[in-house]
Amino acid sequence: MGSFIPSTILLLFLFFSSVAPLPLSTNSHWIVDEGGRRVKLACVNWVSHLEPMLAEGLSKQSMDTIAKRIVSTGFNCVRFTWPLFLITNDSLASLTVRQSFQRLGLVESIAGIQANNPSIIDVPLIKAYQTVVSSLGENNLMVILDNHISTPGWCCSNFDGNGFFGDKYFNPDLWITGLTRMAALFNGVTNVVGMSLRNELRGPKQNVNDWYKYMQKGAEAVHSANPDVLVILSGLSYDRDLSFIQNRPVNLTFSEKLVFEAHWYGFSDGQAWVTGNPNQVCGRVARDMMRKSGYLVDQGYPLFISEFGIDERGTNVNDNRYLNCFLGVAAELDLDWALWTLVGSYYLREGIIGLNEYYGTMDYNWCQTRNSSFLQRISALQSSFRGPGLSEAKLHKVIFHPLTGLCVTRKSFLDPLRLGPCTDSDAWSYSPQKTLVVKGTYFCLQADESGTSAKLGIFCTDSNSKWEMISDSKMHLSAKLTDGKSVCLDVASDNTITTNSCKCISKDNTCDPSSQWFKLVDSTRSSTSGERSLLQYLPGKGLIPSLLVGSI
């Protein structure tokens, strides 16, 4: 498929990259720049921890070309993985890129790297890693260094010897040595803004006491060697469980640098999204996520969803249903995140040369994006809805539609409501009486008849103007018509906002409710469409400029 470049996101990124003072720190549950303004991490994972120990794709494209592709698709940072032995095992660390690939028999990849990235083919692997980080910096991309595993290879299983402190390949002292060396190596490299201490702790040895013992030591070692970087701590059970922090906070000598990370995939819950009712599964899974990690936001810690993603071919029902739920939660909490993955294909993964990565944003040859509509869906979440320093407008709601990644917008009173870019969304308020009103006007959202367009009106006391969040997913907006029947907000094929019978509320696992899923998201971001001088109709007043509606 062709590439998708959301121009507004690219402009926002270019603006951000030219002004955001680094290093980063934390302010309550927000990540902020040196001036105290919110910086939202909208990252993509770039894999460099497999057996070759080189960033994937460098046999297909130059690193500068790949970095520019990352920027053009709206990401502002890279979670860059590395294996511990890259910097602690002398026999591996001393290998050049050519030697590393020769020992694996990857002759074709050597030729590709020689052609596309000749400057690194005969340098040590760690130097090549530094060169990629430098290229990302030259393209104004922030980098989070992620210690993904100890022995180079695919991650993860409970019994691979890399899962928890004391496992065969996971010596805690060697790990701290590696973290210290890596932190020191990138001290002063300004685009390296964070270090993730370890990916997906797991396995039979995992326990809370050792987590505190070693993760706190690792955090202190990183901060001592490089006080500028954010220190990012993962939880237990494949980075899904941080519930223990609620009753036992981390005890560190430093402050305003601590971030927690969690992972959330569709397959994390098996095939629940296929076998269960999507509304009920979303409600259950979202509650579980909030109990295990999401609660940290309320406790004043930044939460970084450092891995999420789907099969971008669009044929995996489990992934597709999960994504609608995930995007709703991620928008509501305005989370920082990193998509898995940039990678279109691997040099060598699990014994297979040139394995196609269907979770990758790039295609097999790293030439085009794999699924442009998917990138369009997540583009609204690549910039902040709110946070310190982001007070372009008074606090309001936007009505976000996870299935499309768009928001409810309007042109005028006379035109139908429709989905459009969230940057064009009006500011809505949601009253205690459960009315949705366009801020600065008397117009509220109303249901008319099932199967017809939703509308704006000024008589907002009837039941058809009261919108309740129903179903376990808390994403159905439902109102009652004058005949007592309930309808839900929906989207027609032309993206106009309609109302229809509420679907898939419970039990049924064969239907898909996603067209009717909306999330009311807090925002202080102003609309790029500005104050629209369009005419609106008021009974008894006729057509008047919309700017005057709120004062009449």
Protein backbone atom coordinates (compact mmCIF):
# COMPACT_ATOMS: atom_id res chain seq x y z
CA MET A 1 0.00 0.00 0.00
CA GLY A 2 1.06 3.58 -0.46
CA SER A 3 2.32 5.65 2.41
CA PHE A 4 0.11 7.93 4.44
CA ILE A 5 1.57 11.20 5.70
CA PRO A 6 -0.85 13.11 7.94
CA SER A 7 0.25 16.66 7.14
CA THR A 8 -1.05 18.20 10.34
CA ILE A 9 0.82 15.64 12.43
CA LEU A 10 4.00 16.22 10.44
CA LEU A 11 3.71 19.96 10.96
CA LEU A 12 3.10 19.45 14.67
CA PHE A 13 6.14 17.25 14.87
CA LEU A 14 8.38 19.66 13.01
CA PHE A 15 7.19 22.41 15.33
CA PHE A 16 7.84 20.26 18.38
CA SER A 17 11.28 19.14 17.25
CA SER A 18 12.46 22.68 16.74
CA VAL A 19 11.40 24.05 20.12
CA ALA A 20 11.10 21.32 22.77
CA PRO A 21 13.98 21.76 25.23
CA LEU A 22 15.52 18.46 26.28
CA PRO A 23 16.11 16.61 28.58
CA LEU A 24 12.70 15.37 29.65
CA SER A 25 11.37 14.97 33.16
CA THR A 26 8.03 14.23 34.81
CA ASN A 27 5.33 16.40 36.31
CA SER A 28 2.74 14.23 38.06
CA HIS A 29 1.63 11.71 35.42
CA TRP A 30 2.91 13.78 32.50
CA ILE A 31 6.25 13.76 30.71
CA VAL A 32 7.43 17.33 30.16
CA ASP A 33 10.27 19.19 28.48
CA GLU A 34 12.73 21.50 30.19
CA GLY A 35 10.24 24.33 29.91
CA GLY A 36 7.57 22.30 31.71
CA ARG A 37 5.40 21.69 28.62
CA ARG A 38 3.84 18.28 27.98
CA VAL A 39 5.74 16.06 25.56
CA LYS A 40 3.74 13.07 24.39
CA LEU A 41 5.80 10.05 23.46
CA ALA A 42 4.35 8.67 20.24
CA CYS A 43 6.97 6.06 19.48
CA VAL A 44 7.54 3.09 17.25
CA ASN A 45 9.66 0.06 18.23
CA TRP A 46 12.73 -0.55 16.10
CA VAL A 47 14.15 -4.02 16.73
CA SER A 48 17.92 -4.42 17.22
CA HIS A 49 18.09 -7.31 19.72
CA LEU A 50 17.99 -10.40 17.49
CA GLU A 51 21.02 -12.60 16.69
CA PRO A 52 22.63 -10.22 14.16
CA MET A 53 22.51 -7.44 16.82
CA LEU A 54 21.84 -4.75 14.24
CA ALA A 55 18.81 -2.55 13.65
CA GLU A 56 16.52 -4.42 11.26
CA GLY A 57 16.03 -3.18 7.71
CA LEU A 58 19.49 -1.73 7.07
CA SER A 59 19.99 -4.21 4.25
CA LYS A 60 16.89 -2.76 2.55
CA GLN A 61 17.20 1.01 3.10
CA SER A 62 19.66 3.56 4.44
CA MET A 63 19.18 4.45 8.09
CA ASP A 64 18.50 8.06 7.11
CA THR A 65 15.73 6.96 4.73
CA ILE A 66 14.16 4.85 7.48
CA ALA A 67 14.41 7.70 10.00
CA LYS A 68 12.72 10.08 7.58
CA ARG A 69 9.96 7.51 7.03
CA ILE A 70 9.39 7.36 10.79
CA VAL A 71 9.04 11.15 10.91
CA SER A 72 6.75 11.27 7.88
CA THR A 73 4.31 8.87 9.52
CA GLY A 74 3.92 11.08 12.57
CA PHE A 75 6.05 9.37 15.20
CA ASN A 76 8.33 11.52 17.34
CA CYS A 77 10.44 8.83 18.95
CA VAL A 78 11.84 5.32 18.67
CA ARG A 79 11.97 2.62 21.34
CA PHE A 80 15.26 1.09 20.22
CA THR A 81 15.86 -2.43 21.55
CA TRP A 82 19.23 -3.94 22.51
CA PRO A 83 20.44 -7.25 24.00
CA LEU A 84 22.47 -7.10 27.22
CA PHE A 85 25.32 -9.14 25.73
CA LEU A 86 25.88 -6.44 23.09
CA ILE A 87 27.70 -4.42 25.72
CA THR A 88 28.74 -7.03 28.32
CA ASN A 89 29.97 -10.00 26.25
CA ASP A 90 33.39 -9.12 24.83
CA SER A 91 33.40 -11.81 22.15
CA LEU A 92 30.08 -10.53 20.78
CA ALA A 93 30.70 -6.84 21.37
CA SER A 94 33.97 -6.95 19.41
CA LEU A 95 32.32 -8.33 16.26
CA THR A 96 31.94 -6.06 13.28
CA VAL A 97 28.62 -5.94 11.47
CA ARG A 98 30.10 -8.00 8.64
CA GLN A 99 31.46 -10.64 11.03
CA SER A 100 28.17 -10.86 12.90
CA PHE A 101 26.27 -11.56 9.69
CA GLN A 102 28.94 -13.91 8.34
CA ARG A 103 28.74 -16.18 11.39
CA LEU A 104 24.98 -16.48 10.76
CA GLY A 105 25.36 -17.14 7.05
CA LEU A 106 23.41 -14.02 6.08
CA VAL A 107 25.29 -13.36 2.86
CA GLU A 108 22.47 -11.54 1.07
CA SER A 109 22.00 -9.16 4.01
CA ILE A 110 25.72 -8.33 4.02
CA ALA A 111 25.45 -7.26 0.38
CA GLY A 112 22.38 -5.16 1.18
CA ILE A 113 24.05 -3.40 4.11
CA GLN A 114 27.16 -2.81 2.00
CA ALA A 115 24.98 -1.14 -0.63
CA ASN A 116 22.64 0.86 1.61
CA ASN A 117 24.75 1.59 4.72
CA PRO A 118 28.39 1.11 3.74
CA SER A 119 29.73 3.24 6.61
CA ILE A 120 28.78 0.63 9.22
CA ILE A 121 29.59 -2.68 7.51
CA ASP A 122 33.05 -2.98 9.07
CA VAL A 123 32.56 -1.21 12.39
CA PRO A 124 31.88 -2.93 15.75
CA LEU A 125 28.23 -3.68 16.48
CA ILE A 126 28.01 -1.22 19.36
CA LYS A 127 29.39 1.52 17.11
CA ALA A 128 26.74 0.68 14.51
CA TYR A 129 24.09 0.94 17.24
CA GLN A 130 25.42 4.40 18.15
CA THR A 131 25.37 5.43 14.50
CA VAL A 132 21.68 4.55 14.16
CA VAL A 133 20.87 6.58 17.30
CA SER A 134 22.82 9.49 15.81
CA SER A 135 20.87 9.23 12.54
CA LEU A 136 17.60 9.30 14.46
CA GLY A 137 18.80 12.40 16.29
CA GLU A 138 19.72 14.12 13.03
CA ASN A 139 16.09 13.60 12.03
CA ASN A 140 14.79 15.07 15.31
CA LEU A 141 13.64 11.74 16.71
CA MET A 142 13.84 11.03 20.41
CA VAL A 143 15.17 7.60 21.43
CA ILE A 144 14.36 5.29 24.33
CA LEU A 145 16.98 2.58 24.81
CA ASP A 146 15.21 -0.67 25.71
CA ASN A 147 17.11 -3.58 27.23
CA HIS A 148 14.95 -6.21 25.62
CA ILE A 149 16.74 -9.45 26.48
CA SER A 150 20.17 -10.76 27.54
CA THR A 151 21.12 -13.27 24.84
CA PRO A 152 20.45 -11.95 21.33
CA GLY A 153 17.32 -13.56 19.95
CA TRP A 154 13.55 -13.42 19.74
CA CYS A 155 11.66 -12.62 22.93
CA CYS A 156 9.88 -14.03 24.91
CA SER A 157 8.98 -17.25 26.74
CA ASN A 158 8.78 -18.33 30.36
CA PHE A 159 11.69 -20.74 29.96
CA ASP A 160 14.17 -18.99 27.66
CA GLY A 161 16.61 -18.22 30.48
CA ASN A 162 16.14 -14.45 30.05
CA GLY A 163 12.95 -13.92 32.00
CA PHE A 164 13.82 -12.93 35.55
CA PHE A 165 16.73 -12.16 37.85
CA GLY A 166 18.72 -15.30 38.48
CA ASP A 167 17.69 -17.07 35.27
CA LYS A 168 20.44 -18.75 33.25
CA TYR A 169 21.18 -15.69 31.12
CA PHE A 170 19.99 -13.02 33.54
CA ASN A 171 22.69 -12.33 36.10
CA PRO A 172 21.57 -9.23 38.04
CA ASP A 173 25.11 -7.91 38.56
CA LEU A 174 25.96 -8.26 34.87
CA TRP A 175 22.66 -6.58 33.99
CA ILE A 176 23.48 -3.58 36.19
CA THR A 177 26.93 -3.43 34.61
CA GLY A 178 25.33 -3.40 31.17
CA LEU A 179 22.81 -0.72 32.10
CA THR A 180 25.57 1.42 33.57
CA ARG A 181 27.74 1.09 30.46
CA MET A 182 24.89 1.86 28.11
CA ALA A 183 23.74 4.86 30.15
CA ALA A 184 27.28 6.23 30.28
CA LEU A 185 27.83 5.58 26.56
CA PHE A 186 24.88 7.81 25.69
CA ASN A 187 25.44 10.44 28.36
CA GLY A 188 25.36 13.74 26.52
CA VAL A 189 23.53 12.32 23.49
CA THR A 190 20.60 14.68 23.74
CA ASN A 191 18.05 12.74 21.68
CA VAL A 192 18.36 9.73 24.02
CA VAL A 193 15.60 10.73 26.42
CA GLY A 194 14.93 7.49 28.32
CA MET A 195 16.13 4.02 29.23
CA SER A 196 13.76 1.11 29.68
CA LEU A 197 15.50 -1.18 32.18
CA ARG A 198 14.15 -4.56 31.07
CA ASN A 199 11.47 -5.87 28.77
CA GLU A 200 8.74 -8.29 29.91
CA LEU A 201 9.93 -9.79 33.19
CA ARG A 202 8.43 -13.27 33.42
CA GLY A 203 8.83 -16.92 34.31
CA PRO A 204 8.65 -19.12 37.41
CA LYS A 205 11.26 -17.15 39.37
CA GLN A 206 9.46 -13.82 39.26
CA ASN A 207 8.55 -12.33 42.62
CA VAL A 208 7.84 -8.89 44.00
CA ASN A 209 10.70 -8.72 46.53
CA ASP A 210 13.39 -9.37 43.93
CA TRP A 211 11.66 -6.93 41.59
CA TYR A 212 12.13 -4.13 44.14
CA LYS A 213 15.66 -5.24 45.05
CA TYR A 214 17.04 -5.24 41.54
CA MET A 215 14.86 -2.77 39.67
CA GLN A 216 15.65 -0.09 42.24
CA LYS A 217 19.38 -0.91 41.94
CA GLY A 218 19.13 -0.74 38.16
CA ALA A 219 17.27 2.55 38.29
CA GLU A 220 19.89 4.09 40.59
CA ALA A 221 22.73 2.81 38.36
CA VAL A 222 21.21 4.34 35.23
CA HIS A 223 20.48 7.66 36.92
CA SER A 224 23.97 7.84 38.37
CA ALA A 225 25.58 7.20 34.97
CA ASN A 226 23.19 9.46 33.03
CA PRO A 227 20.99 11.75 35.14
CA ASP A 228 19.33 13.27 32.07
CA VAL A 229 17.34 10.20 30.94
CA LEU A 230 13.92 9.07 32.05
CA VAL A 231 14.16 5.78 33.96
CA ILE A 232 11.43 3.43 32.77
CA LEU A 233 10.41 0.43 34.88
CA SER A 234 8.46 -2.58 33.61
CA GLY A 235 6.28 -4.87 35.70
CA LEU A 236 5.77 -8.61 36.06
CA SER A 237 3.95 -11.18 33.93
CA TYR A 238 5.17 -9.99 30.52
CA ASP A 239 4.87 -6.36 31.54
CA ARG A 240 1.19 -6.58 32.34
CA ASP A 241 1.25 -6.34 36.14
CA LEU A 242 2.31 -3.30 38.15
CA SER A 243 -0.46 -3.69 40.72
CA PHE A 244 2.03 -4.14 43.58
CA ILE A 245 3.20 -0.50 43.29
CA GLN A 246 -0.13 0.62 44.74
CA ASN A 247 0.76 -0.57 48.23
CA ARG A 248 4.55 -0.33 48.05
CA PRO A 249 5.93 2.68 46.17
CA VAL A 250 9.36 2.54 44.58
CA ASN A 251 12.05 4.04 46.84
CA LEU A 252 14.61 5.99 44.80
CA THR A 253 17.09 8.78 45.61
CA PHE A 254 16.01 10.83 42.60
CA SER A 255 12.69 12.30 41.52
CA GLU A 256 10.93 13.58 38.42
CA LYS A 257 12.55 10.96 36.18
CA LEU A 258 10.49 7.84 36.96
CA VAL A 259 8.13 6.35 34.35
CA PHE A 260 6.35 2.99 34.38
CA GLU A 261 5.68 0.92 31.27
CA ALA A 262 3.09 -1.71 30.37
CA HIS A 263 2.21 -3.85 27.36
CA TRP A 264 -1.22 -4.53 25.94
CA TYR A 265 -1.97 -6.77 22.95
CA GLY A 266 -5.05 -8.56 21.70
CA PHE A 267 -3.36 -11.93 22.20
CA SER A 268 -2.62 -11.01 25.84
CA ASP A 269 -6.14 -12.32 26.50
CA GLY A 270 -5.96 -15.29 24.15
CA GLN A 271 -8.88 -15.42 21.75
CA ALA A 272 -11.28 -13.66 24.14
CA TRP A 273 -12.10 -10.98 21.57
CA VAL A 274 -13.38 -13.63 19.17
CA THR A 275 -15.08 -16.00 21.60
CA GLY A 276 -16.64 -13.32 23.80
CA ASN A 277 -18.95 -10.36 23.30
CA PRO A 278 -16.72 -7.40 22.36
CA ASN A 279 -18.48 -4.99 24.72
CA GLN A 280 -18.15 -7.32 27.67
CA VAL A 281 -14.58 -8.29 26.82
CA CYS A 282 -13.57 -4.64 26.43
CA GLY A 283 -15.10 -3.76 29.78
CA ARG A 284 -13.41 -6.66 31.54
CA VAL A 285 -10.00 -6.22 29.91
CA ALA A 286 -9.99 -2.44 30.39
CA ARG A 287 -10.90 -2.81 34.07
CA ASP A 288 -8.12 -5.36 34.46
CA MET A 289 -5.65 -3.02 32.78
CA MET A 290 -6.69 -0.17 35.06
CA ARG A 291 -6.33 -2.38 38.13
CA LYS A 292 -2.88 -3.64 37.16
CA SER A 293 -1.28 -0.55 35.60
CA GLY A 294 -3.69 2.20 34.56
CA TYR A 295 -4.30 3.23 38.17
CA LEU A 296 -0.75 4.66 38.23
CA VAL A 297 -1.98 7.66 36.23
CA ASP A 298 -4.32 8.56 39.11
CA GLN A 299 -1.42 8.13 41.53
CA GLY A 300 0.68 10.68 39.67
CA TYR A 301 3.02 8.47 37.63
CA PRO A 302 3.46 8.58 33.85
CA LEU A 303 2.37 5.31 32.22
CA PHE A 304 4.05 4.43 28.93
CA ILE A 305 2.36 1.68 26.89
CA SER A 306 5.67 0.63 25.39
CA GLU A 307 4.16 -2.13 23.24
CA PHE A 308 0.81 -2.47 21.51
CA GLY A 309 0.00 -3.46 17.96
CA ILE A 310 -1.98 -5.59 15.54
CA ASP A 311 -1.64 -7.73 12.44
CA GLU A 312 -1.74 -4.90 9.91
CA ARG A 313 -3.14 -7.09 7.15
CA GLY A 314 -6.51 -6.40 8.83
CA THR A 315 -7.67 -10.03 8.76
CA ASN A 316 -7.19 -10.90 12.43
CA VAL A 317 -10.59 -10.47 14.12
CA ASN A 318 -9.10 -10.79 17.61
CA ASP A 319 -6.64 -7.97 16.92
CA ASN A 320 -9.17 -5.76 15.18
CA ARG A 321 -11.66 -5.86 18.04
CA TYR A 322 -8.96 -5.36 20.66
CA LEU A 323 -7.60 -2.30 18.86
CA ASN A 324 -10.93 -0.45 19.04
CA CYS A 325 -10.98 -0.93 22.80
CA PHE A 326 -7.31 -0.06 23.23
CA LEU A 327 -7.57 3.18 21.24
CA GLY A 328 -10.56 4.27 23.30
CA VAL A 329 -8.69 3.78 26.58
CA ALA A 330 -5.45 5.28 25.24
CA ALA A 331 -7.33 8.38 24.05
CA GLU A 332 -9.28 8.79 27.28
CA LEU A 333 -6.13 8.59 29.44
CA ASP A 334 -4.02 10.41 26.80
CA LEU A 335 -1.26 7.85 27.32
CA ASP A 336 2.27 7.85 25.99
CA TRP A 337 2.91 4.80 23.82
CA ALA A 338 5.15 2.87 21.43
CA LEU A 339 3.74 0.83 18.56
CA TRP A 340 5.07 -2.65 17.85
CA THR A 341 6.70 -2.44 15.34
CA LEU A 342 8.48 -0.51 12.60
CA VAL A 343 9.97 -3.72 11.22
CA GLY A 344 8.74 -4.96 7.84
CA SER A 345 10.95 -8.04 7.74
CA TYR A 346 13.81 -9.53 9.77
CA TYR A 347 17.31 -10.57 8.75
CA LEU A 348 16.82 -13.71 10.85
CA ARG A 349 14.09 -14.53 13.33
CA GLU A 350 13.65 -17.88 15.06
CA GLY A 351 15.73 -19.61 12.40
CA ILE A 352 13.87 -18.10 9.44
CA ILE A 353 15.77 -15.81 7.08
CA GLY A 354 13.77 -12.82 5.83
CA LEU A 355 10.67 -13.44 7.96
CA ASN A 356 7.79 -11.10 7.04
CA GLU A 357 6.55 -9.10 10.06
CA TYR A 358 2.82 -8.53 9.71
CA TYR A 359 2.76 -6.31 12.80
CA GLY A 360 5.19 -3.96 11.07
CA THR A 361 4.35 -0.52 9.74
CA MET A 362 6.81 -1.04 6.88
CA ASP A 363 6.25 -3.53 4.09
CA TYR A 364 8.56 -6.49 3.45
CA ASN A 365 11.06 -4.45 1.42
CA TRP A 366 10.92 -1.42 3.76
CA CYS A 367 9.81 0.75 0.82
CA GLN A 368 6.19 1.59 1.66
CA THR A 369 3.92 1.54 4.67
CA ARG A 370 2.07 -1.74 5.06
CA ASN A 371 -1.32 -0.26 5.98
CA SER A 372 -1.87 3.48 5.52
CA SER A 373 -5.39 3.42 7.01
CA PHE A 374 -4.01 1.99 10.25
CA LEU A 375 -1.52 4.85 10.53
CA GLN A 376 -4.35 7.28 9.86
CA ARG A 377 -6.34 5.75 12.72
CA ILE A 378 -3.58 6.26 15.28
CA SER A 379 -2.58 9.74 14.05
CA ALA A 380 -5.03 11.50 16.40
CA LEU A 381 -3.19 9.91 19.32
CA GLN A 382 0.24 11.06 18.13
CA SER A 383 -0.23 14.49 19.68
CA SER A 384 -1.37 15.49 23.16
CA PHE A 385 -4.98 16.17 24.02
CA ARG A 386 -3.97 17.92 27.24
CA GLY A 387 -1.20 18.36 29.78
CA PRO A 388 1.05 21.01 31.35
CA GLY A 389 1.61 23.98 29.10
CA LEU A 390 -1.03 22.82 26.64
CA SER A 391 -3.78 25.32 27.35
CA GLU A 392 -4.73 26.47 23.88
CA ALA A 393 -8.39 26.23 24.85
CA LYS A 394 -10.46 25.76 27.99
CA LEU A 395 -11.00 22.18 29.12
CA HIS A 396 -13.62 20.51 26.94
CA LYS A 397 -14.57 17.18 25.40
CA VAL A 398 -13.97 15.81 21.94
CA ILE A 399 -16.06 12.87 20.73
CA PHE A 400 -13.51 10.30 19.53
CA HIS A 401 -14.38 7.34 17.30
CA PRO A 402 -11.78 4.56 17.77
CA LEU A 403 -12.77 2.56 14.67
CA THR A 404 -11.70 5.42 12.40
CA GLY A 405 -9.43 7.48 14.64
CA LEU A 406 -11.60 10.49 13.82
CA CYS A 407 -13.77 12.83 15.90
CA VAL A 408 -17.27 14.27 15.55
CA THR A 409 -17.08 17.58 13.67
CA ARG A 410 -19.55 20.11 12.26
CA LYS A 411 -19.44 22.81 9.64
CA SER A 412 -22.59 24.66 10.59
CA PHE A 413 -26.00 24.20 12.13
CA LEU A 414 -27.40 23.35 8.72
CA ASP A 415 -24.83 20.71 7.78
CA PRO A 416 -24.90 17.19 9.19
CA LEU A 417 -22.48 16.16 11.87
CA ARG A 418 -19.77 13.91 10.49
CA LEU A 419 -16.45 12.35 11.37
CA GLY A 420 -13.35 14.35 10.59
CA PRO A 421 -9.82 14.96 11.89
CA CYS A 422 -9.76 15.47 15.65
CA THR A 423 -7.80 18.67 15.03
CA ASP A 424 -11.03 20.01 13.48
CA SER A 425 -13.29 18.89 16.32
CA ASP A 426 -15.55 21.31 18.09
CA ALA A 427 -15.30 21.73 21.83
CA TRP A 428 -18.14 19.87 23.56
CA SER A 429 -19.29 19.90 27.16
CA TYR A 430 -20.98 16.95 28.87
CA SER A 431 -23.32 18.23 31.55
CA PRO A 432 -24.47 16.54 34.78
CA GLN A 433 -27.84 16.27 32.99
CA LYS A 434 -26.00 14.16 30.34
CA THR A 435 -26.43 16.61 27.49
CA LEU A 436 -23.67 17.11 24.94
CA VAL A 437 -23.49 20.81 24.07
CA VAL A 438 -21.23 22.58 21.59
CA LYS A 439 -19.31 24.97 23.81
CA GLY A 440 -20.03 28.63 23.16
CA THR A 441 -23.48 27.80 21.74
CA TYR A 442 -26.87 26.62 22.92
CA PHE A 443 -26.78 23.67 20.54
CA CYS A 444 -26.97 20.17 21.95
CA LEU A 445 -26.71 16.78 20.30
CA GLN A 446 -30.10 15.16 19.66
CA ALA A 447 -31.41 11.87 18.35
CA ASP A 448 -34.27 12.07 15.86
CA GLU A 449 -35.44 8.70 14.56
CA SER A 450 -33.56 5.44 14.33
CA GLY A 451 -31.71 5.29 11.03
CA THR A 452 -31.59 9.05 10.56
CA SER A 453 -28.84 11.61 11.10
CA ALA A 454 -28.15 12.91 14.57
CA LYS A 455 -28.79 16.63 14.76
CA LEU A 456 -28.17 19.77 16.76
CA GLY A 457 -31.02 21.53 18.52
CA ILE A 458 -31.64 24.04 21.28
CA PHE A 459 -34.41 22.24 23.20
CA CYS A 460 -32.21 20.10 25.39
CA THR A 461 -34.47 18.83 28.17
CA ASP A 462 -36.16 15.93 26.40
CA SER A 463 -34.91 12.36 26.60
CA ASN A 464 -33.58 12.47 23.03
CA SER A 465 -30.99 15.02 24.20
CA LYS A 466 -29.68 12.99 27.13
CA TRP A 467 -26.79 10.70 26.24
CA GLU A 468 -25.71 7.96 28.59
CA MET A 469 -22.59 5.83 28.30
CA ILE A 470 -24.03 2.33 28.33
CA SER A 471 -22.68 -1.23 27.93
CA ASP A 472 -19.66 -2.72 29.64
CA SER A 473 -17.32 -0.99 27.22
CA LYS A 474 -18.58 2.44 28.33
CA MET A 475 -18.40 3.50 24.71
CA HIS A 476 -22.01 3.38 23.55
CA LEU A 477 -23.67 6.82 23.64
CA SER A 478 -27.38 6.09 24.00
CA ALA A 479 -30.48 8.29 24.07
CA LYS A 480 -34.23 7.59 24.25
CA LEU A 481 -36.57 8.72 21.50
CA THR A 482 -39.96 10.23 22.28
CA ASP A 483 -41.55 6.79 21.83
CA GLY A 484 -39.32 5.38 24.57
CA LYS A 485 -37.07 3.35 22.27
CA SER A 486 -33.31 3.58 22.86
CA VAL A 487 -30.89 4.37 20.05
CA CYS A 488 -27.12 4.68 19.93
CA LEU A 489 -24.86 7.08 18.13
CA ASP A 490 -23.51 5.45 14.98
CA VAL A 491 -21.63 6.26 11.79
CA ALA A 492 -22.98 5.89 8.24
CA SER A 493 -20.89 4.78 5.28
CA ASP A 494 -20.33 8.42 4.27
CA ASN A 495 -19.02 9.24 7.78
CA THR A 496 -22.11 11.21 8.80
CA ILE A 497 -23.27 10.73 12.38
CA THR A 498 -26.51 8.78 12.67
CA THR A 499 -28.52 6.97 15.33
CA ASN A 500 -29.45 3.30 15.18
CA SER A 501 -30.60 0.52 17.44
CA CYS A 502 -27.86 -0.26 19.94
CA LYS A 503 -26.03 -3.41 18.88
CA CYS A 504 -23.93 -6.12 20.48
CA ILE A 505 -24.60 -4.86 24.00
CA SER A 506 -24.14 -8.29 25.59
CA LYS A 507 -23.84 -12.05 25.03
CA ASP A 508 -23.60 -12.11 21.23
CA ASN A 509 -20.02 -12.70 20.06
CA THR A 510 -20.78 -12.72 16.35
CA CYS A 511 -21.49 -9.03 15.84
CA ASP A 512 -19.13 -6.07 15.94
CA PRO A 513 -20.23 -2.92 17.83
CA SER A 514 -17.24 -0.80 16.81
CA SER A 515 -19.12 1.64 14.56
CA GLN A 516 -21.12 2.63 17.67
CA TRP A 517 -18.12 3.01 19.97
CA PHE A 518 -17.30 6.59 20.94
CA LYS A 519 -15.16 7.97 23.74
CA LEU A 520 -15.56 11.38 25.36
CA VAL A 521 -11.99 12.64 25.68
CA ASP A 522 -10.86 15.62 27.76
CA SER A 523 -8.88 18.13 25.74
CA THR A 524 -7.37 21.59 26.02
CA ARG A 525 -6.17 21.50 22.42
CA SER A 526 -7.61 24.14 20.12
CA SER A 527 -9.18 23.30 16.78
CA THR A 528 -7.00 24.07 13.76
CA SER A 529 -10.13 25.19 11.99
CA GLY A 530 -10.22 28.15 14.37
CA GLU A 531 -13.31 30.16 15.12
CA ARG A 532 -15.60 29.45 12.24
CA SER A 533 -17.50 32.44 10.87
CA LEU A 534 -20.23 30.24 9.50
CA LEU A 535 -23.93 30.98 9.65
CA GLN A 536 -26.13 29.12 12.11
CA TYR A 537 -29.89 29.18 12.56
CA LEU A 538 -31.66 30.15 15.75
CA PRO A 539 -35.47 30.13 15.96
CA GLY A 540 -36.69 33.71 16.05
CA LYS A 541 -33.26 35.00 15.11
CA GLY A 542 -32.71 33.54 11.66
CA LEU A 543 -29.24 32.94 10.27
CA ILE A 544 -26.50 34.54 12.35
CA PRO A 545 -22.71 34.15 12.55
CA SER A 546 -21.83 31.17 14.73
CA LEU A 547 -19.44 33.30 16.78
CA LEU A 548 -22.42 35.22 18.14
CA VAL A 549 -24.55 32.25 19.10
CA GLY A 550 -23.21 31.95 22.64
CA SER A 551 -23.91 35.59 23.43
CA ILE A 552 -27.56 35.60 22.37
